[in-house]
Amino acid sequence: KPVLYVANVDENDLEGNDPLVAKVRSYA
């Protein structure tokens, strides 16, 4: 099945600049 990843971020990081999000983007 196709997959979409939703990174649930902190309210102070709405643009997803945290290194944790960068890892998800790279994987996806």
PDB file of all heavy atoms in Angstrom:
ATOM      1  N   LYS A   1       0.836  -1.204   0.000  1.00  0.00           N
ATOM      2  CA  LYS A   1       0.000   0.000   0.000  1.00  0.00           C
ATOM      3  C   LYS A   1       0.874   1.259   0.000  1.00  0.00           C
ATOM      4  O   LYS A   1       1.912   1.305   0.659  1.00  0.00           O
ATOM      5  CB  LYS A   1      -0.909  -0.002   1.238  1.00  0.00           C
ATOM      6  CG  LYS A   1      -1.826  -1.227   1.316  1.00  0.00           C
ATOM      7  CD  LYS A   1      -2.671  -1.200   2.573  1.00  0.00           C
ATOM      8  CE  LYS A   1      -3.417  -2.525   2.761  1.00  0.00           C
ATOM      9  NZ  LYS A   1      -4.375  -2.780   1.683  1.00  0.00           N
ATOM     10  N   PRO A   2       0.456   2.295  -0.731  1.00  0.00           N
ATOM     11  CA  PRO A   2       1.214   3.557  -0.706  1.00  0.00           C
ATOM     12  C   PRO A   2       1.156   4.172   0.685  1.00  0.00           C
ATOM     13  O   PRO A   2       0.207   3.939   1.444  1.00  0.00           O
ATOM     14  CB  PRO A   2       0.488   4.424  -1.739  1.00  0.00           C
ATOM     15  CG  PRO A   2      -0.897   3.859  -1.807  1.00  0.00           C
ATOM     16  CD  PRO A   2      -0.746   2.386  -1.579  1.00  0.00           C
ATOM     17  N   VAL A   3       2.185   4.954   1.020  1.00  0.00           N
ATOM     18  CA  VAL A   3       2.273   5.503   2.376  1.00  0.00           C
ATOM     19  C   VAL A   3       2.570   7.001   2.337  1.00  0.00           C
ATOM     20  O   VAL A   3       3.288   7.495   1.462  1.00  0.00           O
ATOM     21  CB  VAL A   3       3.344   4.747   3.206  1.00  0.00           C
ATOM     22  CG1 VAL A   3       4.732   4.926   2.592  1.00  0.00           C
ATOM     23  CG2 VAL A   3       3.338   5.177   4.659  1.00  0.00           C
ATOM     24  N   LEU A   4       1.991   7.707   3.289  1.00  0.00           N
ATOM     25  CA  LEU A   4       2.272   9.126   3.521  1.00  0.00           C
ATOM     26  C   LEU A   4       2.712   9.269   4.968  1.00  0.00           C
ATOM     27  O   LEU A   4       2.072   8.723   5.872  1.00  0.00           O
ATOM     28  CB  LEU A   4       1.009   9.965   3.284  1.00  0.00           C
ATOM     29  CG  LEU A   4       1.075  11.439   3.719  1.00  0.00           C
ATOM     30  CD1 LEU A   4       2.053  12.218   2.846  1.00  0.00           C
ATOM     31  CD2 LEU A   4      -0.315  12.080   3.668  1.00  0.00           C
ATOM     32  N   TYR A   5       3.826   9.974   5.183  1.00  0.00           N
ATOM     33  CA  TYR A   5       4.327  10.170   6.546  1.00  0.00           C
ATOM     34  C   TYR A   5       3.893  11.541   7.064  1.00  0.00           C
ATOM     35  O   TYR A   5       4.044  12.553   6.375  1.00  0.00           O
ATOM     36  CB  TYR A   5       5.850  10.056   6.590  1.00  0.00           C
ATOM     37  CG  TYR A   5       6.335   8.665   6.244  1.00  0.00           C
ATOM     38  CD1 TYR A   5       6.910   8.395   5.000  1.00  0.00           C
ATOM     39  CD2 TYR A   5       6.189   7.620   7.143  1.00  0.00           C
ATOM     40  CE1 TYR A   5       7.332   7.114   4.674  1.00  0.00           C
ATOM     41  CE2 TYR A   5       6.610   6.333   6.823  1.00  0.00           C
ATOM     42  CZ  TYR A   5       7.172   6.093   5.585  1.00  0.00           C
ATOM     43  OH  TYR A   5       7.577   4.821   5.261  1.00  0.00           O
ATOM     44  N   VAL A   6       3.352  11.559   8.275  1.00  0.00           N
ATOM     45  CA  VAL A   6       2.962  12.802   8.931  1.00  0.00           C
ATOM     46  C   VAL A   6       3.872  13.001  10.133  1.00  0.00           C
ATOM     47  O   VAL A   6       3.836  12.204  11.094  1.00  0.00           O
ATOM     48  CB  VAL A   6       1.491  12.781   9.383  1.00  0.00           C
ATOM     49  CG1 VAL A   6       1.155  14.040  10.171  1.00  0.00           C
ATOM     50  CG2 VAL A   6       0.568  12.659   8.173  1.00  0.00           C
ATOM     51  N   ALA A   7       4.711  14.016  10.068  1.00  0.00           N
ATOM     52  CA  ALA A   7       5.621  14.324  11.171  1.00  0.00           C
ATOM     53  C   ALA A   7       4.886  15.201  12.172  1.00  0.00           C
ATOM     54  O   ALA A   7       4.546  16.357  11.882  1.00  0.00           O
ATOM     55  CB  ALA A   7       6.865  15.041  10.636  1.00  0.00           C
ATOM     56  N   ASN A   8       4.609  14.655  13.334  1.00  0.00           N
ATOM     57  CA  ASN A   8       3.923  15.398  14.385  1.00  0.00           C
ATOM     58  C   ASN A   8       4.960  16.196  15.168  1.00  0.00           C
ATOM     59  O   ASN A   8       5.766  15.640  15.907  1.00  0.00           O
ATOM     60  CB  ASN A   8       3.177  14.432  15.310  1.00  0.00           C
ATOM     61  CG  ASN A   8       2.269  15.145  16.296  1.00  0.00           C
ATOM     62  OD1 ASN A   8       2.069  16.363  16.202  1.00  0.00           O
ATOM     63  ND2 ASN A   8       1.706  14.401  17.229  1.00  0.00           N
ATOM     64  N   VAL A   9       4.951  17.513  14.949  1.00  0.00           N
ATOM     65  CA  VAL A   9       6.014  18.383  15.460  1.00  0.00           C
ATOM     66  C   VAL A   9       5.539  19.205  16.652  1.00  0.00           C
ATOM     67  O   VAL A   9       4.348  19.286  16.949  1.00  0.00           O
ATOM     68  CB  VAL A   9       6.532  19.331  14.354  1.00  0.00           C
ATOM     69  CG1 VAL A   9       7.104  18.532  13.185  1.00  0.00           C
ATOM     70  CG2 VAL A   9       5.424  20.266  13.869  1.00  0.00           C
ATOM     71  N   ASP A  10       6.482  19.838  17.313  1.00  0.00           N
ATOM     72  CA  ASP A  10       6.187  20.754  18.411  1.00  0.00           C
ATOM     73  C   ASP A  10       5.569  22.033  17.857  1.00  0.00           C
ATOM     74  O   ASP A  10       5.837  22.426  16.714  1.00  0.00           O
ATOM     75  CB  ASP A  10       7.479  21.073  19.171  1.00  0.00           C
ATOM     76  CG  ASP A  10       7.236  21.880  20.433  1.00  0.00           C
ATOM     77  OD1 ASP A  10       6.920  21.268  21.474  1.00  0.00           O
ATOM     78  OD2 ASP A  10       7.344  23.122  20.371  1.00  0.00           O
ATOM     79  N   GLU A  11       4.753  22.706  18.656  1.00  0.00           N
ATOM     80  CA  GLU A  11       4.090  23.927  18.178  1.00  0.00           C
ATOM     81  C   GLU A  11       5.074  25.062  17.903  1.00  0.00           C
ATOM     82  O   GLU A  11       4.716  26.052  17.257  1.00  0.00           O
ATOM     83  CB  GLU A  11       3.027  24.384  19.163  1.00  0.00           C
ATOM     84  CG  GLU A  11       3.503  24.657  20.570  1.00  0.00           C
ATOM     85  CD  GLU A  11       2.334  24.930  21.508  1.00  0.00           C
ATOM     86  OE1 GLU A  11       1.699  25.997  21.371  1.00  0.00           O
ATOM     87  OE2 GLU A  11       2.060  24.075  22.355  1.00  0.00           O
ATOM     88  N   ASN A  12       6.307  24.922  18.362  1.00  0.00           N
ATOM     89  CA  ASN A  12       7.335  25.926  18.059  1.00  0.00           C
ATOM     90  C   ASN A  12       8.159  25.559  16.824  1.00  0.00           C
ATOM     91  O   ASN A  12       9.142  26.229  16.508  1.00  0.00           O
ATOM     92  CB  ASN A  12       8.273  26.097  19.255  1.00  0.00           C
ATOM     93  CG  ASN A  12       7.559  26.656  20.476  1.00  0.00           C
ATOM     94  OD1 ASN A  12       6.756  27.571  20.354  1.00  0.00           O
ATOM     95  ND2 ASN A  12       7.848  26.095  21.649  1.00  0.00           N
ATOM     96  N   ASP A  13       7.747  24.504  16.134  1.00  0.00           N
ATOM     97  CA  ASP A  13       8.497  24.037  14.961  1.00  0.00           C
ATOM     98  C   ASP A  13       7.522  23.656  13.837  1.00  0.00           C
ATOM     99  O   ASP A  13       7.596  22.575  13.272  1.00  0.00           O
ATOM    100  CB  ASP A  13       9.384  22.842  15.330  1.00  0.00           C
ATOM    101  CG  ASP A  13      10.269  22.392  14.173  1.00  0.00           C
ATOM    102  OD1 ASP A  13      10.757  23.265  13.410  1.00  0.00           O
ATOM    103  OD2 ASP A  13      10.458  21.168  14.007  1.00  0.00           O
ATOM    104  N   LEU A  14       6.597  24.562  13.510  1.00  0.00           N
ATOM    105  CA  LEU A  14       5.542  24.252  12.540  1.00  0.00           C
ATOM    106  C   LEU A  14       6.087  24.008  11.133  1.00  0.00           C
ATOM    107  O   LEU A  14       5.455  23.322  10.328  1.00  0.00           O
ATOM    108  CB  LEU A  14       4.506  25.387  12.511  1.00  0.00           C
ATOM    109  CG  LEU A  14       3.767  25.646  13.830  1.00  0.00           C
ATOM    110  CD1 LEU A  14       2.729  26.747  13.656  1.00  0.00           C
ATOM    111  CD2 LEU A  14       3.126  24.374  14.352  1.00  0.00           C
ATOM    112  N   GLU A  15       7.254  24.570  10.828  1.00  0.00           N
ATOM    113  CA  GLU A  15       7.846  24.367   9.499  1.00  0.00           C
ATOM    114  C   GLU A  15       8.676  23.090   9.429  1.00  0.00           C
ATOM    115  O   GLU A  15       9.162  22.726   8.362  1.00  0.00           O
ATOM    116  CB  GLU A  15       8.696  25.574   9.111  1.00  0.00           C
ATOM    117  CG  GLU A  15       7.877  26.854   8.921  1.00  0.00           C
ATOM    118  CD  GLU A  15       8.742  28.015   8.481  1.00  0.00           C
ATOM    119  OE1 GLU A  15       9.973  27.812   8.328  1.00  0.00           O
ATOM    120  OE2 GLU A  15       8.203  29.115   8.271  1.00  0.00           O
ATOM    121  N   GLY A  16       8.855  22.428  10.565  1.00  0.00           N
ATOM    122  CA  GLY A  16       9.581  21.169  10.572  1.00  0.00           C
ATOM    123  C   GLY A  16      11.069  21.321  10.352  1.00  0.00           C
ATOM    124  O   GLY A  16      11.667  20.621   9.542  1.00  0.00           O
ATOM    125  N   ASN A  17      11.686  22.228  11.108  1.00  0.00           N
ATOM    126  CA  ASN A  17      13.130  22.448  10.965  1.00  0.00           C
ATOM    127  C   ASN A  17      13.959  21.581  11.910  1.00  0.00           C
ATOM    128  O   ASN A  17      15.182  21.588  11.845  1.00  0.00           O
ATOM    129  CB  ASN A  17      13.452  23.929  11.219  1.00  0.00           C
ATOM    130  CG  ASN A  17      12.858  24.833  10.157  1.00  0.00           C
ATOM    131  OD1 ASN A  17      12.894  24.502   8.974  1.00  0.00           O
ATOM    132  ND2 ASN A  17      12.281  25.963  10.569  1.00  0.00           N
ATOM    133  N   ASP A  18      13.291  20.858  12.795  1.00  0.00           N
ATOM    134  CA  ASP A  18      13.996  20.001  13.755  1.00  0.00           C
ATOM    135  C   ASP A  18      14.741  18.886  13.016  1.00  0.00           C
ATOM    136  O   ASP A  18      14.253  18.359  12.008  1.00  0.00           O
ATOM    137  CB  ASP A  18      12.978  19.388  14.726  1.00  0.00           C
ATOM    138  CG  ASP A  18      13.645  18.711  15.910  1.00  0.00           C
ATOM    139  OD1 ASP A  18      14.189  17.607  15.718  1.00  0.00           O
ATOM    140  OD2 ASP A  18      13.608  19.266  17.019  1.00  0.00           O
ATOM    141  N   PRO A  19      15.930  18.510  13.489  1.00  0.00           N
ATOM    142  CA  PRO A  19      16.686  17.406  12.866  1.00  0.00           C
ATOM    143  C   PRO A  19      15.890  16.105  12.785  1.00  0.00           C
ATOM    144  O   PRO A  19      16.111  15.301  11.881  1.00  0.00           O
ATOM    145  CB  PRO A  19      17.904  17.253  13.788  1.00  0.00           C
ATOM    146  CG  PRO A  19      18.092  18.605  14.394  1.00  0.00           C
ATOM    147  CD  PRO A  19      16.715  19.161  14.575  1.00  0.00           C
ATOM    148  N   LEU A  20      14.976  15.887  13.724  1.00  0.00           N
ATOM    149  CA  LEU A  20      14.148  14.684  13.686  1.00  0.00           C
ATOM    150  C   LEU A  20      13.296  14.649  12.420  1.00  0.00           C
ATOM    151  O   LEU A  20      13.114  13.601  11.792  1.00  0.00           O
ATOM    152  CB  LEU A  20      13.246  14.613  14.925  1.00  0.00           C
ATOM    153  CG  LEU A  20      13.926  14.413  16.277  1.00  0.00           C
ATOM    154  CD1 LEU A  20      12.904  14.491  17.407  1.00  0.00           C
ATOM    155  CD2 LEU A  20      14.671  13.079  16.328  1.00  0.00           C
ATOM    156  N   VAL A  21      12.772  15.808  12.031  1.00  0.00           N
ATOM    157  CA  VAL A  21      11.945  15.906  10.825  1.00  0.00           C
ATOM    158  C   VAL A  21      12.802  15.704   9.581  1.00  0.00           C
ATOM    159  O   VAL A  21      12.375  15.067   8.612  1.00  0.00           O
ATOM    160  CB  VAL A  21      11.213  17.265  10.758  1.00  0.00           C
ATOM    161  CG1 VAL A  21      10.331  17.334   9.510  1.00  0.00           C
ATOM    162  CG2 VAL A  21      10.363  17.480  12.005  1.00  0.00           C
ATOM    163  N   ALA A  22      14.020  16.226   9.618  1.00  0.00           N
ATOM    164  CA  ALA A  22      14.930  16.066   8.479  1.00  0.00           C
ATOM    165  C   ALA A  22      15.185  14.588   8.204  1.00  0.00           C
ATOM    166  O   ALA A  22      15.272  14.157   7.048  1.00  0.00           O
ATOM    167  CB  ALA A  22      16.249  16.793   8.754  1.00  0.00           C
ATOM    168  N   LYS A  23      15.278  13.787   9.266  1.00  0.00           N
ATOM    169  CA  LYS A  23      15.482  12.348   9.096  1.00  0.00           C
ATOM    170  C   LYS A  23      14.279  11.704   8.413  1.00  0.00           C
ATOM    171  O   LYS A  23      14.426  10.833   7.550  1.00  0.00           O
ATOM    172  CB  LYS A  23      15.723  11.692  10.456  1.00  0.00           C
ATOM    173  CG  LYS A  23      17.050  12.061  11.112  1.00  0.00           C
ATOM    174  CD  LYS A  23      17.202  11.347  12.453  1.00  0.00           C
ATOM    175  CE  LYS A  23      18.522  11.697  13.121  1.00  0.00           C
ATOM    176  NZ  LYS A  23      18.665  11.002  14.434  1.00  0.00           N
ATOM    177  N   VAL A  24      13.083  12.138   8.793  1.00  0.00           N
ATOM    178  CA  VAL A  24      11.864  11.585   8.194  1.00  0.00           C
ATOM    179  C   VAL A  24      11.790  11.967   6.720  1.00  0.00           C
ATOM    180  O   VAL A  24      11.461  11.140   5.868  1.00  0.00           O
ATOM    181  CB  VAL A  24      10.608  12.093   8.942  1.00  0.00           C
ATOM    182  CG1 VAL A  24       9.335  11.604   8.252  1.00  0.00           C
ATOM    183  CG2 VAL A  24      10.625  11.619  10.391  1.00  0.00           C
ATOM    184  N   ARG A  25      12.110  13.228   6.407  1.00  0.00           N
ATOM    185  CA  ARG A  25      12.075  13.674   5.008  1.00  0.00           C
ATOM    186  C   ARG A  25      13.052  12.877   4.155  1.00  0.00           C
ATOM    187  O   ARG A  25      12.732  12.478   3.033  1.00  0.00           O
ATOM    188  CB  ARG A  25      12.417  15.170   4.924  1.00  0.00           C
ATOM    189  CG  ARG A  25      11.317  16.092   5.416  1.00  0.00           C
ATOM    190  CD  ARG A  25      11.556  17.511   4.915  1.00  0.00           C
ATOM    191  NE  ARG A  25      10.515  18.428   5.344  1.00  0.00           N
ATOM    192  CZ  ARG A  25      10.638  19.298   6.334  1.00  0.00           C
ATOM    193  NH1 ARG A  25      11.785  19.362   7.018  1.00  0.00           N
ATOM    194  NH2 ARG A  25       9.650  20.107   6.669  1.00  0.00           N
ATOM    195  N   SER A  26      14.247  12.650   4.692  1.00  0.00           N
ATOM    196  CA  SER A  26      15.258  11.907   3.944  1.00  0.00           C
ATOM    197  C   SER A  26      14.796  10.477   3.695  1.00  0.00           C
ATOM    198  O   SER A  26      14.933   9.951   2.580  1.00  0.00           O
ATOM    199  CB  SER A  26      16.576  11.914   4.723  1.00  0.00           C
ATOM    200  OG  SER A  26      17.565  11.174   4.052  1.00  0.00           O
ATOM    201  N   TYR A  27      14.233   9.856   4.715  1.00  0.00           N
ATOM    202  CA  TYR A  27      13.742   8.479   4.583  1.00  0.00           C
ATOM    203  C   TYR A  27      12.612   8.410   3.559  1.00  0.00           C
ATOM    204  O   TYR A  27      12.587   7.523   2.694  1.00  0.00           O
ATOM    205  CB  TYR A  27      13.257   7.981   5.943  1.00  0.00           C
ATOM    206  CG  TYR A  27      12.758   6.550   5.936  1.00  0.00           C
ATOM    207  CD1 TYR A  27      13.598   5.509   6.305  1.00  0.00           C
ATOM    208  CD2 TYR A  27      11.443   6.238   5.567  1.00  0.00           C
ATOM    209  CE1 TYR A  27      13.154   4.190   6.310  1.00  0.00           C
ATOM    210  CE2 TYR A  27      10.995   4.930   5.557  1.00  0.00           C
ATOM    211  CZ  TYR A  27      11.849   3.915   5.931  1.00  0.00           C
ATOM    212  OH  TYR A  27      11.398   2.610   5.914  1.00  0.00           O
ATOM    213  N   ALA A  28      11.678   9.347   3.660  1.00  0.00           N
ATOM    214  CA  ALA A  28      10.523   9.349   2.762  1.00  0.00           C
ATOM    215  C   ALA A  28      10.942   9.595   1.317  1.00  0.00           C
ATOM    216  O   ALA A  28      10.411   8.969   0.392  1.00  0.00           O
ATOM    217  CB  ALA A  28       9.525  10.415   3.203  1.00  0.00           C
TER     218      ALA A  28
END
